[in-house]
Amino acid sequence: MSDSNGTTAADTDTTDTGTTAVETLQQGLVGQLMAVIGAPDDKDVARAADDIVQQLDARLRAAGSAAA
């Protein structure tokens, strides 16, 4: 079951600061996208952003499967 933010029971593993793994990945993605904007031709920055997108995608797919 998900709440109004789309958070499922699989997302509730919180860190010491109270954020979930998905929230942490989302925040990291924002930072990486800002880095891509700042350095659009830097392949290392693009790879780092892609890594976070892949991790977030996997986590959200797993959460969606668990909710189904």
PDB file of N, CA and C in Angstrom:
ATOM      1  N   MET A   1       0.842  -1.159   0.000  1.00  0.00           N
ATOM      2  CA  MET A   1       0.000   0.000   0.000  1.00  0.00           C
ATOM      3  C   MET A   1       0.894   1.232   0.000  1.00  0.00           C
ATOM      4  N   SER A   2       0.502   2.289  -0.717  1.00  0.00           N
ATOM      5  CA  SER A   2       1.312   3.495  -0.767  1.00  0.00           C
ATOM      6  C   SER A   2       0.540   4.670  -0.195  1.00  0.00           C
ATOM      7  N   ASP A   3       1.305   5.645   0.322  1.00  0.00           N
ATOM      8  CA  ASP A   3       0.664   6.848   0.828  1.00  0.00           C
ATOM      9  C   ASP A   3       0.535   7.853  -0.307  1.00  0.00           C
ATOM     10  N   SER A   4       0.121   9.072  -0.009  1.00  0.00           N
ATOM     11  CA  SER A   4      -0.108  10.070  -1.045  1.00  0.00           C
ATOM     12  C   SER A   4       1.163  10.464  -1.785  1.00  0.00           C
ATOM     13  N   ASN A   5       2.327  10.188  -1.220  1.00  0.00           N
ATOM     14  CA  ASN A   5       3.590  10.494  -1.876  1.00  0.00           C
ATOM     15  C   ASN A   5       4.123   9.320  -2.677  1.00  0.00           C
ATOM     16  N   GLY A   6       3.396   8.211  -2.714  1.00  0.00           N
ATOM     17  CA  GLY A   6       3.843   7.042  -3.446  1.00  0.00           C
ATOM     18  C   GLY A   6       4.807   6.180  -2.665  1.00  0.00           C
ATOM     19  N   THR A   7       4.970   6.445  -1.382  1.00  0.00           N
ATOM     20  CA  THR A   7       5.873   5.666  -0.555  1.00  0.00           C
ATOM     21  C   THR A   7       5.194   4.362  -0.166  1.00  0.00           C
ATOM     22  N   THR A   8       5.908   3.271  -0.315  1.00  0.00           N
ATOM     23  CA  THR A   8       5.356   1.972   0.040  1.00  0.00           C
ATOM     24  C   THR A   8       6.060   1.442   1.280  1.00  0.00           C
ATOM     25  N   ALA A   9       5.582   0.333   1.761  1.00  0.00           N
ATOM     26  CA  ALA A   9       6.185  -0.289   2.938  1.00  0.00           C
ATOM     27  C   ALA A   9       7.640  -0.641   2.686  1.00  0.00           C
ATOM     28  N   ALA A  10       7.998  -0.944   1.446  1.00  0.00           N
ATOM     29  CA  ALA A  10       9.384  -1.290   1.123  1.00  0.00           C
ATOM     30  C   ALA A  10      10.313  -0.088   1.232  1.00  0.00           C
ATOM     31  N   ASP A  11       9.762   1.119   1.270  1.00  0.00           N
ATOM     32  CA  ASP A  11      10.568   2.330   1.347  1.00  0.00           C
ATOM     33  C   ASP A  11      10.803   2.793   2.777  1.00  0.00           C
ATOM     34  N   THR A  12      10.309   2.071   3.743  1.00  0.00           N
ATOM     35  CA  THR A  12      10.331   2.564   5.106  1.00  0.00           C
ATOM     36  C   THR A  12      11.599   2.256   5.875  1.00  0.00           C
ATOM     37  N   ASP A  13      12.611   1.705   5.221  1.00  0.00           N
ATOM     38  CA  ASP A  13      13.877   1.494   5.909  1.00  0.00           C
ATOM     39  C   ASP A  13      14.573   2.853   6.025  1.00  0.00           C
ATOM     40  N   THR A  14      14.490   3.422   7.214  1.00  0.00           N
ATOM     41  CA  THR A  14      14.969   4.780   7.413  1.00  0.00           C
ATOM     42  C   THR A  14      16.402   4.801   7.922  1.00  0.00           C
ATOM     43  N   THR A  15      17.062   5.924   7.655  1.00  0.00           N
ATOM     44  CA  THR A  15      18.411   6.141   8.142  1.00  0.00           C
ATOM     45  C   THR A  15      18.330   6.848   9.491  1.00  0.00           C
ATOM     46  N   ASP A  16      19.489   7.131  10.067  1.00  0.00           N
ATOM     47  CA  ASP A  16      19.522   7.828  11.352  1.00  0.00           C
ATOM     48  C   ASP A  16      18.891   9.213  11.269  1.00  0.00           C
ATOM     49  N   THR A  17      18.885   9.804  10.077  1.00  0.00           N
ATOM     50  CA  THR A  17      18.306  11.142   9.924  1.00  0.00           C
ATOM     51  C   THR A  17      16.820  11.091   9.614  1.00  0.00           C
ATOM     52  N   GLY A  18      16.257   9.888   9.510  1.00  0.00           N
ATOM     53  CA  GLY A  18      14.830   9.753   9.277  1.00  0.00           C
ATOM     54  C   GLY A  18      14.444   9.696   7.812  1.00  0.00           C
ATOM     55  N   THR A  19      15.398   9.704   6.896  1.00  0.00           N
ATOM     56  CA  THR A  19      15.072   9.614   5.483  1.00  0.00           C
ATOM     57  C   THR A  19      15.088   8.161   5.038  1.00  0.00           C
ATOM     58  N   THR A  20      14.285   7.861   4.048  1.00  0.00           N
ATOM     59  CA  THR A  20      14.273   6.503   3.512  1.00  0.00           C
ATOM     60  C   THR A  20      15.344   6.372   2.441  1.00  0.00           C
ATOM     61  N   ALA A  21      15.606   5.141   2.057  1.00  0.00           N
ATOM     62  CA  ALA A  21      16.601   4.888   1.011  1.00  0.00           C
ATOM     63  C   ALA A  21      16.191   5.566  -0.293  1.00  0.00           C
ATOM     64  N   VAL A  22      14.901   5.540  -0.606  1.00  0.00           N
ATOM     65  CA  VAL A  22      14.424   6.186  -1.827  1.00  0.00           C
ATOM     66  C   VAL A  22      14.620   7.694  -1.738  1.00  0.00           C
ATOM     67  N   GLU A  23      14.303   8.275  -0.603  1.00  0.00           N
ATOM     68  CA  GLU A  23      14.495   9.721  -0.443  1.00  0.00           C
ATOM     69  C   GLU A  23      15.962  10.095  -0.593  1.00  0.00           C
ATOM     70  N   THR A  24      16.830   9.287  -0.037  1.00  0.00           N
ATOM     71  CA  THR A  24      18.267   9.536  -0.152  1.00  0.00           C
ATOM     72  C   THR A  24      18.703   9.487  -1.601  1.00  0.00           C
ATOM     73  N   LEU A  25      18.220   8.492  -2.343  1.00  0.00           N
ATOM     74  CA  LEU A  25      18.540   8.400  -3.762  1.00  0.00           C
ATOM     75  C   LEU A  25      17.956   9.581  -4.539  1.00  0.00           C
ATOM     76  N   GLN A  26      16.737   9.994  -4.191  1.00  0.00           N
ATOM     77  CA  GLN A  26      16.126  11.133  -4.868  1.00  0.00           C
ATOM     78  C   GLN A  26      16.950  12.400  -4.643  1.00  0.00           C
ATOM     79  N   GLN A  27      17.385  12.605  -3.422  1.00  0.00           N
ATOM     80  CA  GLN A  27      18.208  13.778  -3.116  1.00  0.00           C
ATOM     81  C   GLN A  27      19.542  13.714  -3.851  1.00  0.00           C
ATOM     82  N   GLY A  28      20.128  12.524  -3.911  1.00  0.00           N
ATOM     83  CA  GLY A  28      21.371  12.353  -4.645  1.00  0.00           C
ATOM     84  C   GLY A  28      21.189  12.612  -6.128  1.00  0.00           C
ATOM     85  N   LEU A  29      20.053  12.200  -6.663  1.00  0.00           N
ATOM     86  CA  LEU A  29      19.763  12.419  -8.074  1.00  0.00           C
ATOM     87  C   LEU A  29      19.664  13.907  -8.379  1.00  0.00           C
ATOM     88  N   VAL A  30      19.007  14.642  -7.512  1.00  0.00           N
ATOM     89  CA  VAL A  30      18.907  16.092  -7.716  1.00  0.00           C
ATOM     90  C   VAL A  30      20.301  16.710  -7.770  1.00  0.00           C
ATOM     91  N   GLY A  31      21.155  16.315  -6.846  1.00  0.00           N
ATOM     92  CA  GLY A  31      22.520  16.834  -6.826  1.00  0.00           C
ATOM     93  C   GLY A  31      23.276  16.484  -8.095  1.00  0.00           C
ATOM     94  N   GLN A  32      23.112  15.242  -8.556  1.00  0.00           N
ATOM     95  CA  GLN A  32      23.811  14.825  -9.771  1.00  0.00           C
ATOM     96  C   GLN A  32      23.272  15.532 -11.002  1.00  0.00           C
ATOM     97  N   LEU A  33      21.966  15.758 -11.053  1.00  0.00           N
ATOM     98  CA  LEU A  33      21.405  16.488 -12.192  1.00  0.00           C
ATOM     99  C   LEU A  33      21.895  17.927 -12.218  1.00  0.00           C
ATOM    100  N   MET A  34      22.047  18.519 -11.058  1.00  0.00           N
ATOM    101  CA  MET A  34      22.617  19.872 -10.988  1.00  0.00           C
ATOM    102  C   MET A  34      24.058  19.839 -11.496  1.00  0.00           C
ATOM    103  N   ALA A  35      24.792  18.794 -11.169  1.00  0.00           N
ATOM    104  CA  ALA A  35      26.170  18.662 -11.640  1.00  0.00           C
ATOM    105  C   ALA A  35      26.211  18.509 -13.158  1.00  0.00           C
ATOM    106  N   VAL A  36      25.255  17.760 -13.712  1.00  0.00           N
ATOM    107  CA  VAL A  36      25.188  17.601 -15.168  1.00  0.00           C
ATOM    108  C   VAL A  36      24.899  18.947 -15.830  1.00  0.00           C
ATOM    109  N   ILE A  37      24.015  19.720 -15.243  1.00  0.00           N
ATOM    110  CA  ILE A  37      23.720  21.048 -15.779  1.00  0.00           C
ATOM    111  C   ILE A  37      24.976  21.913 -15.749  1.00  0.00           C
ATOM    112  N   GLY A  38      25.743  21.797 -14.675  1.00  0.00           N
ATOM    113  CA  GLY A  38      26.955  22.593 -14.531  1.00  0.00           C
ATOM    114  C   GLY A  38      28.103  22.130 -15.407  1.00  0.00           C
ATOM    115  N   ALA A  39      28.115  20.858 -15.759  1.00  0.00           N
ATOM    116  CA  ALA A  39      29.209  20.306 -16.571  1.00  0.00           C
ATOM    117  C   ALA A  39      28.621  19.332 -17.587  1.00  0.00           C
ATOM    118  N   PRO A  40      27.896  19.849 -18.585  1.00  0.00           N
ATOM    119  CA  PRO A  40      27.171  18.969 -19.501  1.00  0.00           C
ATOM    120  C   PRO A  40      28.052  18.051 -20.351  1.00  0.00           C
ATOM    121  N   ASP A  41      29.318  18.374 -20.510  1.00  0.00           N
ATOM    122  CA  ASP A  41      30.199  17.552 -21.341  1.00  0.00           C
ATOM    123  C   ASP A  41      31.078  16.596 -20.537  1.00  0.00           C
ATOM    124  N   ASP A  42      30.913  16.561 -19.223  1.00  0.00           N
ATOM    125  CA  ASP A  42      31.739  15.727 -18.358  1.00  0.00           C
ATOM    126  C   ASP A  42      31.137  14.320 -18.278  1.00  0.00           C
ATOM    127  N   LYS A  43      31.817  13.367 -18.879  1.00  0.00           N
ATOM    128  CA  LYS A  43      31.298  11.995 -18.925  1.00  0.00           C
ATOM    129  C   LYS A  43      31.251  11.334 -17.549  1.00  0.00           C
ATOM    130  N   ASP A  44      32.184  11.669 -16.670  1.00  0.00           N
ATOM    131  CA  ASP A  44      32.172  11.093 -15.320  1.00  0.00           C
ATOM    132  C   ASP A  44      30.952  11.560 -14.542  1.00  0.00           C
ATOM    133  N   VAL A  45      30.603  12.822 -14.692  1.00  0.00           N
ATOM    134  CA  VAL A  45      29.412  13.368 -14.030  1.00  0.00           C
ATOM    135  C   VAL A  45      28.164  12.673 -14.585  1.00  0.00           C
ATOM    136  N   ALA A  46      28.120  12.494 -15.894  1.00  0.00           N
ATOM    137  CA  ALA A  46      26.979  11.822 -16.515  1.00  0.00           C
ATOM    138  C   ALA A  46      26.866  10.382 -16.035  1.00  0.00           C
ATOM    139  N   ARG A  47      27.988   9.695 -15.919  1.00  0.00           N
ATOM    140  CA  ARG A  47      27.970   8.299 -15.437  1.00  0.00           C
ATOM    141  C   ARG A  47      27.477   8.224 -13.998  1.00  0.00           C
ATOM    142  N   ALA A  48      27.927   9.154 -13.172  1.00  0.00           N
ATOM    143  CA  ALA A  48      27.487   9.171 -11.774  1.00  0.00           C
ATOM    144  C   ALA A  48      25.981   9.405 -11.689  1.00  0.00           C
ATOM    145  N   ALA A  49      25.468  10.305 -12.509  1.00  0.00           N
ATOM    146  CA  ALA A  49      24.021  10.555 -12.531  1.00  0.00           C
ATOM    147  C   ALA A  49      23.283   9.314 -13.013  1.00  0.00           C
ATOM    148  N   ASP A  50      23.809   8.669 -14.038  1.00  0.00           N
ATOM    149  CA  ASP A  50      23.184   7.453 -14.557  1.00  0.00           C
ATOM    150  C   ASP A  50      23.163   6.353 -13.506  1.00  0.00           C
ATOM    151  N   ASP A  51      24.219   6.227 -12.737  1.00  0.00           N
ATOM    152  CA  ASP A  51      24.266   5.219 -11.673  1.00  0.00           C
ATOM    153  C   ASP A  51      23.135   5.439 -10.670  1.00  0.00           C
ATOM    154  N   ILE A  52      22.920   6.684 -10.295  1.00  0.00           N
ATOM    155  CA  ILE A  52      21.861   6.978  -9.329  1.00  0.00           C
ATOM    156  C   ILE A  52      20.492   6.713  -9.938  1.00  0.00           C
ATOM    157  N   VAL A  53      20.306   7.073 -11.207  1.00  0.00           N
ATOM    158  CA  VAL A  53      19.033   6.800 -11.879  1.00  0.00           C
ATOM    159  C   VAL A  53      18.769   5.293 -11.885  1.00  0.00           C
ATOM    160  N   GLN A  54      19.783   4.503 -12.188  1.00  0.00           N
ATOM    161  CA  GLN A  54      19.624   3.045 -12.223  1.00  0.00           C
ATOM    162  C   GLN A  54      19.272   2.494 -10.840  1.00  0.00           C
ATOM    163  N   GLN A  55      19.947   2.991  -9.806  1.00  0.00           N
ATOM    164  CA  GLN A  55      19.665   2.537  -8.439  1.00  0.00           C
ATOM    165  C   GLN A  55      18.250   2.912  -8.017  1.00  0.00           C
ATOM    166  N   LEU A  56      17.854   4.137  -8.320  1.00  0.00           N
ATOM    167  CA  LEU A  56      16.523   4.604  -7.951  1.00  0.00           C
ATOM    168  C   LEU A  56      15.463   3.807  -8.709  1.00  0.00           C
ATOM    169  N   ASP A  57      15.693   3.558  -9.980  1.00  0.00           N
ATOM    170  CA  ASP A  57      14.763   2.773 -10.780  1.00  0.00           C
ATOM    171  C   ASP A  57      14.589   1.378 -10.198  1.00  0.00           C
ATOM    172  N   ALA A  58      15.694   0.742  -9.854  1.00  0.00           N
ATOM    173  CA  ALA A  58      15.628  -0.604  -9.279  1.00  0.00           C
ATOM    174  C   ALA A  58      14.875  -0.598  -7.954  1.00  0.00           C
ATOM    175  N   ARG A  59      15.156   0.390  -7.122  1.00  0.00           N
ATOM    176  CA  ARG A  59      14.491   0.475  -5.822  1.00  0.00           C
ATOM    177  C   ARG A  59      12.986   0.698  -5.978  1.00  0.00           C
ATOM    178  N   LEU A  60      12.602   1.594  -6.897  1.00  0.00           N
ATOM    179  CA  LEU A  60      11.174   1.879  -7.092  1.00  0.00           C
ATOM    180  C   LEU A  60      10.459   0.700  -7.733  1.00  0.00           C
ATOM    181  N   ARG A  61      11.133  -0.004  -8.636  1.00  0.00           N
ATOM    182  CA  ARG A  61      10.516  -1.199  -9.226  1.00  0.00           C
ATOM    183  C   ARG A  61      10.303  -2.264  -8.159  1.00  0.00           C
ATOM    184  N   ALA A  62      11.277  -2.444  -7.285  1.00  0.00           N
ATOM    185  CA  ALA A  62      11.154  -3.423  -6.205  1.00  0.00           C
ATOM    186  C   ALA A  62      10.024  -3.031  -5.262  1.00  0.00           C
ATOM    187  N   ALA A  63       9.918  -1.759  -4.962  1.00  0.00           N
ATOM    188  CA  ALA A  63       8.847  -1.287  -4.078  1.00  0.00           C
ATOM    189  C   ALA A  63       7.486  -1.476  -4.745  1.00  0.00           C
ATOM    190  N   GLY A  64       7.418  -1.237  -6.038  1.00  0.00           N
ATOM    191  CA  GLY A  64       6.165  -1.431  -6.770  1.00  0.00           C
ATOM    192  C   GLY A  64       5.760  -2.891  -6.807  1.00  0.00           C
ATOM    193  N   SER A  65       6.726  -3.769  -6.978  1.00  0.00           N
ATOM    194  CA  SER A  65       6.442  -5.202  -6.982  1.00  0.00           C
ATOM    195  C   SER A  65       5.971  -5.671  -5.619  1.00  0.00           C
ATOM    196  N   ALA A  66       6.581  -5.130  -4.572  1.00  0.00           N
ATOM    197  CA  ALA A  66       6.205  -5.510  -3.214  1.00  0.00           C
ATOM    198  C   ALA A  66       4.795  -5.026  -2.882  1.00  0.00           C
ATOM    199  N   ALA A  67       4.408  -3.896  -3.450  1.00  0.00           N
ATOM    200  CA  ALA A  67       3.087  -3.333  -3.179  1.00  0.00           C
ATOM    201  C   ALA A  67       2.001  -4.054  -3.954  1.00  0.00           C
ATOM    202  N   ALA A  68       2.375  -4.708  -5.039  1.00  0.00           N
ATOM    203  CA  ALA A  68       1.365  -5.355  -5.905  1.00  0.00           C
ATOM    204  C   ALA A  68       0.890  -6.671  -5.371  1.00  0.00           C
TER     205      ALA A  68
END
